[in-house]
Protein backbone atom coordinates (compact mmCIF):
# COMPACT_ATOMS: atom_id res chain seq x y z
CA MET A 1 0.00 0.00 0.00
CA ALA A 2 1.37 3.45 -0.90
CA PRO A 3 2.10 5.88 1.97
CA CYS A 4 -0.93 7.96 2.94
CA SER A 5 -0.36 11.72 3.35
CA THR A 6 -3.40 12.17 5.64
CA LEU A 7 -2.39 13.69 8.97
CA HIS A 8 -4.44 12.12 11.76
CA ASP A 9 -4.90 13.76 15.13
CA VAL A 10 -4.54 10.52 17.09
CA LEU A 11 -3.18 7.14 16.04
CA ILE A 12 -3.72 4.26 18.47
CA ILE A 13 -1.54 1.16 18.20
CA GLY A 14 -3.47 -1.82 19.58
CA ALA A 15 -7.19 -2.67 19.50
CA GLY A 16 -7.37 -4.41 22.87
CA PRO A 17 -8.98 -3.16 26.11
CA CYS A 18 -6.44 -0.34 26.55
CA GLY A 19 -6.86 0.91 22.99
CA LEU A 20 -10.65 0.71 23.28
CA ALA A 21 -10.58 2.61 26.58
CA VAL A 22 -8.57 5.45 25.02
CA ALA A 23 -10.74 5.65 21.88
CA ALA A 24 -13.95 5.71 23.94
CA ARG A 25 -12.62 8.30 26.40
CA LEU A 26 -11.65 10.66 23.56
CA CYS A 27 -15.32 10.61 22.47
CA GLU A 28 -16.80 11.14 25.93
CA SER A 29 -17.54 14.71 27.07
CA THR A 30 -18.82 13.81 30.55
CA PRO A 31 -16.49 11.15 31.95
CA SER A 32 -17.26 9.66 35.35
CA ALA A 33 -13.80 10.63 36.62
CA ILE A 34 -14.79 14.34 36.45
CA PHE A 35 -18.57 14.47 36.97
CA SER A 36 -20.69 13.08 39.79
CA ASP A 37 -23.46 10.56 39.11
CA THR A 38 -26.15 13.24 39.49
CA GLU A 39 -24.42 15.62 37.07
CA HIS A 40 -23.76 12.81 34.66
CA HIS A 41 -27.41 11.72 34.52
CA ARG A 42 -28.47 15.32 33.89
CA TYR A 43 -25.96 15.86 31.09
CA HIS A 44 -26.87 12.55 29.52
CA TRP A 45 -30.58 13.54 29.50
CA ILE A 46 -29.75 16.93 27.93
CA LYS A 47 -27.63 15.25 25.27
CA ARG A 48 -30.36 12.78 24.45
CA HIS A 49 -33.41 15.08 24.49
CA GLY A 50 -32.08 18.65 24.29
CA ASP A 51 -32.13 18.93 20.49
CA ARG A 52 -35.49 17.30 19.82
CA ALA A 53 -37.47 20.56 19.83
CA SER A 54 -37.13 23.36 17.29
CA ILE A 55 -36.02 26.69 18.82
CA LYS A 56 -37.09 30.14 17.54
CA ASN A 57 -34.67 33.01 18.10
CA ARG A 58 -36.57 35.87 19.79
CA ARG A 59 -34.61 38.67 18.09
CA THR A 60 -34.03 37.38 14.57
CA GLY A 61 -37.04 35.11 14.17
CA GLN A 62 -34.82 32.34 12.82
CA ILE A 63 -35.87 28.81 13.64
CA LYS A 64 -33.25 26.31 14.64
CA ALA A 65 -34.45 22.96 13.30
CA THR A 66 -34.33 19.74 15.24
CA LYS A 67 -30.98 18.05 14.99
CA LYS A 68 -30.61 14.40 14.26
CA PRO A 69 -28.73 12.63 17.02
CA GLU A 70 -25.19 12.05 15.91
CA ILE A 71 -22.04 10.59 17.35
CA CYS A 72 -19.02 12.73 16.63
CA ARG A 73 -15.38 12.14 17.37
CA ASN A 74 -13.48 15.07 18.77
CA TYR A 75 -10.35 14.00 16.90
CA SER A 76 -9.62 12.26 13.61
CA THR A 77 -8.49 8.85 14.83
CA LEU A 78 -6.90 5.76 13.31
CA VAL A 79 -6.28 2.43 15.05
CA LEU A 80 -3.70 -0.12 13.89
CA ASP A 81 -3.80 -3.72 15.08
CA GLY A 82 -1.84 -6.69 13.77
CA THR A 83 -4.54 -9.25 14.62
CA ASP A 84 -7.77 -8.12 13.00
CA LYS A 85 -9.93 -5.18 11.91
CA ASP A 86 -12.17 -5.39 14.96
CA TRP A 87 -11.87 -4.48 18.62
CA MET A 88 -10.79 -7.04 21.24
CA THR A 89 -10.10 -9.82 18.71
CA ARG A 90 -7.03 -11.21 20.47
CA TRP A 91 -8.68 -10.85 23.87
CA ASN A 92 -11.72 -12.84 22.71
CA HIS A 93 -9.48 -15.44 21.02
CA LEU A 94 -7.51 -16.06 24.23
CA PHE A 95 -10.68 -16.34 26.31
CA LYS A 96 -12.05 -18.90 23.86
CA THR A 97 -8.76 -20.81 23.69
CA PHE A 98 -8.43 -21.07 27.48
CA GLU A 99 -12.17 -21.77 27.90
CA ILE A 100 -12.50 -18.92 30.39
CA SER A 101 -16.09 -18.65 31.54
CA HIS A 102 -15.69 -15.62 33.82
CA LEU A 103 -13.29 -12.72 34.19
CA ARG A 104 -11.00 -12.34 37.17
CA SER A 105 -11.84 -8.64 37.56
CA PRO A 106 -14.70 -7.15 39.62
CA MET A 107 -17.66 -5.31 38.11
CA PHE A 108 -16.12 -1.82 38.17
CA PHE A 109 -13.18 -2.84 35.93
CA HIS A 110 -14.16 -2.09 32.33
CA PRO A 111 -13.22 0.30 29.47
CA ASP A 112 -16.37 2.48 29.61
CA PRO A 113 -15.42 6.08 30.54
CA ARG A 114 -18.99 7.25 31.13
CA ASP A 115 -20.01 5.31 34.20
CA ARG A 116 -18.03 3.39 36.81
CA ASP A 117 -21.08 1.18 37.43
CA GLY A 118 -21.90 0.89 33.74
CA LEU A 119 -21.28 -2.85 33.54
CA LEU A 120 -23.41 -3.46 36.63
CA SER A 121 -26.24 -1.34 35.19
CA TYR A 122 -26.01 -3.10 31.83
CA THR A 123 -26.21 -6.49 33.56
CA TYR A 124 -29.49 -5.70 35.31
CA GLU A 125 -30.90 -3.80 32.34
CA LYS A 126 -30.46 -6.92 30.19
CA GLU A 127 -31.60 -9.20 33.06
CA ARG A 128 -28.34 -11.16 32.96
CA ASP A 129 -27.51 -11.06 36.66
CA LYS A 130 -27.47 -14.88 36.72
CA GLU A 131 -24.22 -14.70 34.73
CA LEU A 132 -22.44 -13.08 37.69
CA VAL A 133 -20.31 -15.10 40.09
CA GLU A 134 -19.35 -13.75 43.49
CA ILE A 135 -15.62 -13.36 44.10
CA PRO A 136 -14.91 -15.28 47.32
CA GLU A 137 -12.76 -14.14 50.23
CA CYS A 138 -13.30 -10.43 49.57
CA VAL A 139 -16.44 -9.12 51.27
CA GLY A 140 -17.65 -10.17 54.69
CA LYS A 141 -14.55 -12.15 55.60
CA GLU A 142 -14.57 -11.17 59.26
CA ILE A 143 -12.09 -12.11 61.98
CA SER A 144 -13.44 -14.36 64.74
CA LYS A 145 -13.26 -13.28 68.41
CA HIS A 146 -10.78 -16.08 69.04
CA LYS A 147 -8.47 -14.74 66.32
CA LYS A 148 -8.78 -11.20 67.70
CA LYS A 149 -7.72 -12.38 71.17
CA GLN A 150 -4.79 -14.25 69.69
CA ARG A 151 -3.63 -11.16 67.84
CA LEU A 152 -3.87 -9.03 70.97
CA LYS A 153 -1.42 -11.40 72.67
CA CYS A 154 1.03 -11.20 69.76
CA LYS A 155 4.01 -8.88 70.03
CA ASN A 156 3.40 -7.61 66.51
CA ASN A 157 -0.20 -6.54 67.12
CA GLY A 158 0.61 -3.04 65.85
CA ALA A 159 1.09 -4.28 62.30
CA LYS A 160 -1.19 -3.14 59.51
CA PRO A 161 -4.67 -4.63 60.03
CA PRO A 162 -6.12 -7.08 57.52
CA VAL A 163 -7.87 -5.60 54.52
CA THR A 164 -11.63 -5.31 54.78
CA ILE A 165 -14.13 -4.47 52.07
CA ASP A 166 -17.33 -2.82 53.20
CA GLU A 167 -20.51 -4.88 52.98
CA ARG A 168 -22.09 -2.03 50.99
CA ASP A 169 -19.63 -2.78 48.18
CA ARG A 170 -20.63 -6.43 47.89
CA LYS A 171 -22.46 -5.77 44.59
CA ASP A 172 -19.15 -4.72 43.03
CA TYR A 173 -17.30 -7.89 43.96
CA PHE A 174 -18.89 -10.18 41.43
CA THR A 175 -17.21 -11.15 38.20
CA PRO A 176 -19.08 -11.10 34.87
CA SER A 177 -19.20 -13.93 32.40
CA SER A 178 -16.98 -13.64 29.34
CA SER A 179 -20.00 -13.29 27.05
CA LEU A 180 -21.54 -10.56 29.23
CA PHE A 181 -18.32 -8.55 29.25
CA ARG A 182 -17.91 -9.02 25.50
CA ASP A 183 -21.45 -7.78 24.83
CA TYR A 184 -20.93 -4.77 27.09
CA CYS A 185 -17.76 -3.83 25.19
CA GLN A 186 -19.75 -4.05 21.95
CA CYS A 187 -22.31 -1.71 23.52
CA VAL A 188 -19.53 0.80 24.31
CA ILE A 189 -18.17 0.48 20.76
CA ASP A 190 -21.61 1.15 19.24
CA ARG A 191 -22.36 4.06 21.57
CA TYR A 192 -19.29 5.99 20.46
CA GLY A 193 -19.44 4.92 16.81
CA LEU A 194 -16.07 3.20 16.92
CA ARG A 195 -16.71 0.71 14.11
CA ARG A 196 -16.73 2.82 10.96
CA ASP A 197 -13.40 2.24 9.17
CA LEU A 198 -11.51 3.06 12.36
CA ILE A 199 -9.28 -0.03 12.59
CA GLN A 200 -6.82 -1.25 9.98
CA GLN A 201 -5.11 -4.63 10.25
CA GLU A 202 -1.44 -3.68 10.04
CA ARG A 203 1.64 -4.70 12.01
CA VAL A 204 3.67 -1.68 13.16
CA GLU A 205 7.37 -1.82 12.29
CA ASP A 206 8.72 1.63 13.19
CA ILE A 207 7.75 4.92 14.85
CA ASP A 208 9.55 8.21 14.17
CA PHE A 209 8.94 11.79 15.30
CA SER A 210 10.24 14.49 12.96
CA MET A 211 9.37 17.09 10.34
CA VAL A 212 7.73 15.55 7.26
CA PRO A 213 7.80 17.68 4.08
CA GLY A 214 4.43 17.78 2.39
CA VAL A 215 2.63 16.66 5.56
CA SER A 216 3.65 19.14 8.26
CA GLU A 217 5.97 22.08 7.63
CA THR A 218 5.67 23.85 10.99
CA GLU A 219 5.79 21.13 13.64
CA PRO A 220 7.18 17.60 13.97
CA VAL A 221 4.71 14.75 13.55
CA PHE A 222 4.82 10.98 13.95
CA THR A 223 5.52 8.67 11.04
CA VAL A 224 4.22 5.19 11.85
CA ARG A 225 5.46 2.59 9.38
CA SER A 226 3.70 -0.76 9.13
CA ASP A 227 3.85 -3.81 6.90
CA GLN A 228 1.24 -2.07 4.70
CA GLY A 229 2.67 1.45 4.41
CA ALA A 230 3.07 4.66 6.42
CA HIS A 231 0.68 6.81 8.45
CA TYR A 232 1.12 10.28 9.95
CA ALA A 233 -0.28 11.57 13.23
CA ARG A 234 0.14 14.43 15.67
CA VAL A 235 -0.28 12.09 18.65
CA VAL A 236 0.41 8.36 18.97
CA VAL A 237 -0.93 6.13 21.76
CA LEU A 238 0.88 2.85 22.40
CA ALA A 239 -1.62 0.31 23.81
CA VAL A 240 0.12 -3.00 23.14
CA GLY A 241 0.12 -4.72 26.54
CA PRO A 242 3.55 -6.12 27.41
CA GLY A 243 4.50 -5.88 23.74
CA ASN A 244 7.27 -8.46 23.92
CA ALA A 245 7.45 -12.05 22.70
CA PRO A 246 6.50 -14.89 25.08
CA SER A 247 9.37 -16.10 27.24
CA ILE A 248 10.32 -19.78 27.58
CA PRO A 249 12.93 -20.86 30.17
CA ALA A 250 16.46 -21.02 28.74
CA GLY A 251 17.42 -24.32 27.13
CA LEU A 252 13.83 -25.47 26.63
CA GLY A 253 11.62 -25.29 23.59
CA LYS A 254 14.49 -25.04 21.11
CA THR A 255 13.17 -27.88 18.98
CA GLY A 256 9.93 -26.11 18.12
CA GLN A 257 8.15 -29.46 18.45
CA GLY A 258 6.22 -30.96 21.31
CA CYS A 259 5.94 -27.67 23.20
CA CYS A 260 4.72 -24.09 22.97
CA HIS A 261 4.02 -21.02 25.05
CA ALA A 262 0.46 -20.44 26.23
CA MET A 263 0.21 -17.24 24.17
CA GLN A 264 1.13 -19.18 21.01
CA ILE A 265 -1.60 -21.81 21.27
CA ARG A 266 -3.69 -22.02 18.11
CA GLU A 267 -5.53 -25.24 18.95
CA PHE A 268 -5.99 -27.07 22.24
CA PRO A 269 -4.95 -29.76 22.69
CA ASP A 270 -2.21 -29.77 20.07
CA PRO A 271 -3.04 -31.86 16.93
CA SER A 272 -0.29 -34.36 17.84
CA VAL A 273 -1.91 -34.87 21.24
CA LYS A 274 -5.37 -35.18 19.69
CA ALA A 275 -4.10 -37.90 17.35
CA LYS A 276 -2.81 -39.95 20.30
CA LEU A 277 -6.05 -39.47 22.20
CA ARG A 278 -8.03 -40.74 19.19
CA GLN A 279 -5.78 -43.81 19.11
CA LYS A 280 -6.50 -44.42 22.82
CA LYS A 281 -2.81 -44.02 23.67
CA GLU A 282 -1.58 -42.86 27.05
CA VAL A 283 -1.01 -39.09 27.05
CA ASN A 284 1.06 -37.25 29.65
CA ILE A 285 1.34 -33.46 29.66
CA VAL A 286 3.51 -31.02 31.61
CA VAL A 287 2.38 -27.47 32.37
CA VAL A 288 5.06 -25.05 33.59
CA GLY A 289 4.06 -21.88 35.44
CA GLY A 290 2.52 -20.55 38.64
CA GLY A 291 -0.08 -18.08 37.38
CA LEU A 292 -3.75 -18.33 36.52
CA THR A 293 -3.07 -19.34 32.91
CA SER A 294 -1.09 -22.38 34.06
CA ALA A 295 -4.00 -23.52 36.24
CA GLN A 296 -6.42 -23.02 33.35
CA LEU A 297 -4.24 -25.12 31.03
CA THR A 298 -3.90 -27.87 33.64
CA VAL A 299 -7.66 -28.09 34.17
CA MET A 300 -8.28 -28.00 30.40
CA ALA A 301 -5.73 -30.76 29.69
CA SER A 302 -7.32 -32.97 32.31
CA LYS A 303 -10.79 -32.26 30.94
CA HIS A 304 -9.77 -33.04 27.34
CA GLY A 305 -8.63 -36.56 28.22
CA ALA A 306 -4.96 -36.47 29.26
CA ASN A 307 -4.12 -39.43 31.47
CA LYS A 308 -1.84 -37.39 33.69
CA VAL A 309 -0.98 -33.69 33.91
CA PHE A 310 2.14 -32.61 35.81
CA HIS A 311 1.92 -29.00 36.96
CA LEU A 312 5.38 -27.62 37.80
CA VAL A 313 5.67 -24.35 39.74
CA ARG A 314 9.04 -22.68 40.29
CA GLY A 315 8.03 -21.15 43.63
CA ARG A 316 5.14 -21.75 45.96
CA LEU A 317 1.56 -21.67 44.72
CA ARG A 318 -0.12 -18.35 45.55
CA VAL A 319 -3.90 -18.16 45.83
CA LYS A 320 -5.62 -14.77 45.80
CA PRO A 321 -8.72 -13.29 44.15
CA PHE A 322 -6.89 -10.72 42.00
CA ASP A 323 -3.48 -10.36 40.41
CA VAL A 324 -2.68 -7.57 42.89
CA ASP A 325 -3.07 -7.60 46.66
CA LEU A 326 -6.52 -6.91 48.05
CA SER A 327 -5.14 -3.80 49.76
CA TRP A 328 -5.05 -2.18 46.29
CA MET A 329 -8.75 -2.97 45.76
CA GLY A 330 -10.54 -2.30 49.06
CA LYS A 331 -11.73 0.88 50.75
CA PHE A 332 -8.22 1.61 52.04
CA ARG A 333 -6.59 1.47 48.61
CA ASN A 334 -5.95 5.23 48.80
CA PHE A 335 -3.25 4.49 51.36
CA GLU A 336 -1.42 2.20 48.94
CA GLU A 337 -1.90 4.57 46.00
CA ALA A 338 -0.66 7.58 47.97
CA SER A 339 2.38 5.64 49.11
CA PHE A 340 3.10 4.62 45.52
CA TRP A 341 2.65 8.08 43.97
CA SER A 342 4.69 9.79 46.70
CA ALA A 343 7.69 7.52 46.14
CA ASP A 344 10.86 9.53 45.55
CA THR A 345 12.31 7.41 42.75
CA ASP A 346 11.14 5.05 40.02
CA GLU A 347 13.30 2.33 41.56
CA GLU A 348 11.18 2.58 44.71
CA ARG A 349 7.99 2.41 42.66
CA LEU A 350 9.26 -0.67 40.85
CA GLU A 351 9.80 -2.42 44.19
CA LYS A 352 6.27 -1.52 45.29
CA ILE A 353 4.91 -2.99 42.05
CA LYS A 354 6.78 -6.24 42.62
CA GLU A 355 5.58 -6.38 46.22
CA ALA A 356 1.94 -5.75 45.25
CA ARG A 357 1.88 -8.33 42.46
CA GLY A 358 4.07 -10.92 44.15
CA GLY A 359 4.51 -13.06 41.05
CA GLY A 360 1.92 -15.32 39.47
CA SER A 361 -1.17 -16.39 41.40
CA ILE A 362 -4.37 -18.34 40.86
CA THR A 363 -7.91 -17.65 41.97
CA PRO A 364 -9.67 -19.62 44.75
CA ARG A 365 -12.02 -21.07 42.12
CA TYR A 366 -9.20 -22.59 40.06
CA HIS A 367 -7.42 -23.70 43.21
CA LYS A 368 -10.53 -25.71 44.06
CA LEU A 369 -10.60 -27.23 40.55
CA LEU A 370 -6.92 -28.16 40.83
CA LYS A 371 -7.51 -29.90 44.16
CA GLN A 372 -10.44 -31.83 42.70
CA ASN A 373 -8.27 -33.12 39.85
CA ILE A 374 -5.42 -33.93 42.24
CA SER A 375 -7.76 -35.92 44.50
CA VAL A 376 -8.78 -38.22 41.62
CA GLY A 377 -5.19 -38.70 40.45
CA LYS A 378 -5.44 -36.83 37.14
CA VAL A 379 -3.08 -34.02 38.18
CA GLU A 380 0.18 -33.87 40.12
CA LEU A 381 1.21 -30.48 41.51
CA HIS A 382 4.92 -29.95 42.23
CA THR A 383 5.84 -26.61 43.77
CA GLU A 384 9.38 -25.19 44.08
CA THR A 385 10.37 -27.40 41.15
CA THR A 386 12.32 -26.50 38.00
CA ILE A 387 13.28 -28.38 34.83
CA THR A 388 17.06 -28.83 34.65
CA SER A 389 17.40 -30.78 31.40
CA SER A 390 15.24 -31.92 28.51
CA ASP A 391 15.53 -34.26 25.54
CA TYR A 392 12.98 -34.56 22.74
CA LEU A 393 13.08 -37.84 20.81
CA ASP A 394 10.50 -39.77 18.78
CA GLY A 395 7.64 -37.47 19.68
CA SER A 396 8.10 -37.42 23.46
CA TRP A 397 10.10 -35.59 26.11
CA THR A 398 12.46 -36.93 28.74
CA LEU A 399 12.66 -34.32 31.50
CA THR A 400 14.88 -34.01 34.57
CA THR A 401 13.84 -31.76 37.44
CA ASN A 402 15.22 -30.27 40.63
CA PRO A 403 14.27 -31.66 43.10
CA PRO A 404 14.04 -34.95 41.19
CA ILE A 405 10.58 -36.36 40.51
CA GLU A 406 9.64 -39.47 38.57
CA LEU A 407 8.21 -38.41 35.25
CA PRO A 408 7.08 -40.74 32.45
CA ASN A 409 7.67 -39.83 28.81
CA ILE A 410 5.92 -36.51 28.24
CA ASP A 411 3.90 -36.00 25.07
CA TYR A 412 3.60 -32.22 25.25
CA VAL A 413 4.87 -29.31 27.36
CA TYR A 414 2.95 -26.05 27.80
CA PHE A 415 4.81 -23.03 29.15
CA ALA A 416 2.61 -20.54 30.99
CA THR A 417 5.62 -18.51 32.09
CA GLY A 418 4.31 -15.05 31.29
CA ILE A 419 5.69 -12.33 29.05
CA ALA A 420 8.51 -10.11 30.26
CA SER A 421 8.14 -6.37 29.66
CA ASP A 422 11.18 -4.67 28.12
CA PHE A 423 10.48 -1.67 25.91
CA LYS A 424 14.15 -1.48 24.89
CA SER A 425 13.82 -4.76 22.99
CA LEU A 426 10.73 -3.73 21.00
CA THR A 427 11.90 -3.41 17.39
CA PHE A 428 9.29 -0.81 16.42
CA LEU A 429 10.63 1.50 19.17
CA GLU A 430 14.27 1.38 18.02
CA THR A 431 14.08 4.80 16.36
CA MET A 432 12.37 6.40 19.36
CA ASN A 433 14.89 4.85 21.76
CA ARG A 434 17.76 6.16 19.66
CA LYS A 435 16.48 9.70 19.04
CA PHE A 436 14.56 10.27 22.28
CA PRO A 437 16.03 7.89 24.90
CA VAL A 438 14.26 7.44 28.24
CA GLU A 439 15.39 5.66 31.38
CA SER A 440 14.52 2.00 31.85
CA TYR A 441 13.56 0.53 35.22
CA GLY A 442 13.07 -3.22 35.12
CA GLY A 443 12.12 -2.99 31.45
CA LEU A 444 9.55 -0.22 32.07
CA PRO A 445 10.00 3.29 30.62
CA GLY A 446 10.29 6.33 32.86
CA LEU A 447 7.36 8.26 31.39
CA THR A 448 6.05 11.69 32.37
CA ASP A 449 3.10 11.92 34.76
CA ASP A 450 0.85 12.33 31.70
CA LEU A 451 2.08 8.92 30.42
CA MET A 452 3.97 10.75 27.68
CA TRP A 453 7.32 9.52 26.33
CA LYS A 454 8.98 12.87 26.97
CA GLU A 455 7.91 16.48 27.26
CA ASP A 456 7.20 17.74 23.73
CA VAL A 457 7.18 14.14 22.39
CA PRO A 458 3.46 13.19 22.45
CA LEU A 459 3.90 9.42 22.28
CA PHE A 460 1.61 8.15 25.04
CA VAL A 461 1.94 4.72 26.62
CA THR A 462 -0.79 2.83 28.45
CA GLY A 463 -1.15 -0.71 29.76
CA ARG A 464 1.57 -2.68 31.51
CA LEU A 465 4.39 -0.53 30.10
CA ALA A 466 2.93 2.44 32.03
CA ALA A 467 3.10 0.68 35.40
CA LEU A 468 5.61 3.16 36.89
CA ARG A 469 2.92 5.84 36.65
CA LEU A 470 -0.33 3.90 36.97
CA GLY A 471 0.68 1.38 39.62
CA PRO A 472 0.68 -2.43 39.83
CA GLY A 473 -2.77 -2.68 38.22
CA ALA A 474 -1.62 -0.97 35.01
CA GLY A 475 -1.85 -4.17 32.99
CA ASN A 476 -5.44 -5.00 33.91
CA LEU A 477 -8.79 -3.38 33.10
CA ALA A 478 -8.47 -0.85 35.92
CA GLY A 479 -5.19 0.37 34.47
CA ALA A 480 -6.76 0.61 31.01
CA ARG A 481 -9.45 2.97 32.29
CA SER A 482 -7.22 5.18 34.46
CA GLY A 483 -4.57 5.32 31.73
CA ALA A 484 -7.16 6.44 29.18
CA GLU A 485 -8.29 9.21 31.53
CA ARG A 486 -4.79 10.63 31.93
CA ILE A 487 -4.05 10.42 28.22
CA ALA A 488 -7.31 12.17 27.31
CA TRP A 489 -6.53 15.07 29.65
CA ALA A 490 -3.12 15.52 28.06
CA ILE A 491 -4.41 15.25 24.48
CA GLU A 492 -7.01 17.95 25.18
CA ASP A 493 -4.13 20.28 26.10
CA ILE A 494 -2.07 19.36 23.02
CA LEU A 495 -4.66 19.31 20.23
CA PRO A 496 -7.20 22.06 19.47
CA ARG A 497 -10.78 20.84 19.59
CA ASP A 498 -11.91 22.19 16.24
CA GLN A 499 -12.81 18.83 14.78
CA GLY A 500 -15.77 18.06 17.07
CA ARG A 501 -18.81 20.20 17.69
CA LYS A 502 -18.71 23.69 16.24
CA GLU A 503 -17.80 26.57 18.56
CA GLU A 504 -21.43 27.65 18.71
CA ASP A 505 -22.54 24.19 19.79
CA ASP A 506 -19.77 24.07 22.38
CA MET A 507 -20.98 27.32 23.92
CA ALA A 508 -24.60 26.18 23.83
CA TRP A 509 -23.62 22.95 25.55
CA ASP A 510 -21.72 24.82 28.28
CA PHE A 511 -24.68 27.15 28.78
CA LYS A 512 -27.21 24.34 29.11
CA THR A 513 -25.09 22.26 31.47
CA GLY A 514 -23.59 25.07 33.49
CA THR A 515 -20.04 23.87 32.89
CA GLY A 516 -18.72 27.02 31.20
CA SER A 517 -18.26 30.65 32.22
CA GLN A 518 -21.42 32.66 32.81
CA PHE A 519 -19.89 35.60 30.94
CA GLY A 520 -18.78 33.49 28.00
CA SER A 521 -22.40 32.54 27.38
CA LEU A 522 -23.26 36.18 26.59
CA ASP A 523 -21.60 35.80 23.19
CA CYS A 524 -23.64 32.75 22.24
CA GLU A 525 -26.32 33.81 19.73
CA ALA A 526 -27.97 30.40 19.93
CA CYS A 527 -28.58 30.75 23.65
CA ILE A 528 -30.51 34.04 23.56
């Protein structure tokens, strides 16, 4: 495809939850982060019904006709995604591959900028509350009197008290089904008109920020090169998750046969395993990893007919409702957030992120499923165990571990070992790293507080790579929403808003909602 000379206002790289959150927030004029629920309901009613009646100007006699409801974008936007031309394609593919019935996140984690409780409202509006599952060990987990007395006798009774979540917040601590969350995201996409030729399936290869003759003569702009051509934009938003390739422990997986990383699964079980199952042969599978994905693969392998599944965990098995500590979720989360944001250095913030996440963990629900499979002999769980050597011959693996365990010939190995974040190794950022270098802390970039690459370099980063500014939850749905909010604030300062409603409509809107200056409204002819 030939290079396009169109200069876009915003170019978003990635059509996952983070990219969707940014695109939706740029279209929302009354975000829940700024307006209260009461104000929001009022503004929404005005937007929906305010233009249905014709208005006659008292002085001129002109009649302002009824406007057709329209969805307008404040900025000309383009989204590039290497997977598909639709939103959330990879997300939906992974959920289908891993047979995930429900999310791990609570009800207030979603990409909708309009309403924090939007997903909860949508659930009851569509009468789909039966698709919700309560998240255990969050609300109402009280301490018994016996435990309280024991703690009073302890020398360390001045330590930070256990996290409690108020009973009034119980409605929030349910998790939606995958189909419910998917439908709600489609509702958000339709509301903001984010389908119409917005996404192009292209894999980004390079990003540069410089003067481009024939495109911009007065200010530098971004040139985003993909496998299909080049695009130009004033602002670029990087919403690619970790961005790096899946990591497999050194020395393993070199053959390219009989093993793969969880993020590379195209079909489960692998066709070679399916063939053996059809032939009624004994099938043994090894799953390596200590996070939720590893537990999901173990349960799936057992369900699909494997005779034995060996689940190897490098450390101990951690069980907790969310991927971050509950202290970052409950009513006292402001304490943790304030401590994080007031840290003096990015090194200190990085340590707080590691402490809050604590490595991979599984949910109580999957822990129960693992124990059920272990009790019937279909699964063996080995914690604090690593693979020291491997040999692949004639379609099966011979593995040696530390500490030693007796393993039969293994037919397939799945690695659920996560994806390391290192922006320095991302090939499409080589030019940016060379021309506008930023500090790296554990593979994370030292961004500005606005999530910008550097001052005067409007490359915004959201998702896991923005963890040093958003906190340990940057990589989940909460981080997607808070990241989109910060980026939208900054973009409003950088780009003039002359592409959305006309100035007259802006002033009329401010007059009707009371959000503008009372003196500024005197110049609005439409408001007289």
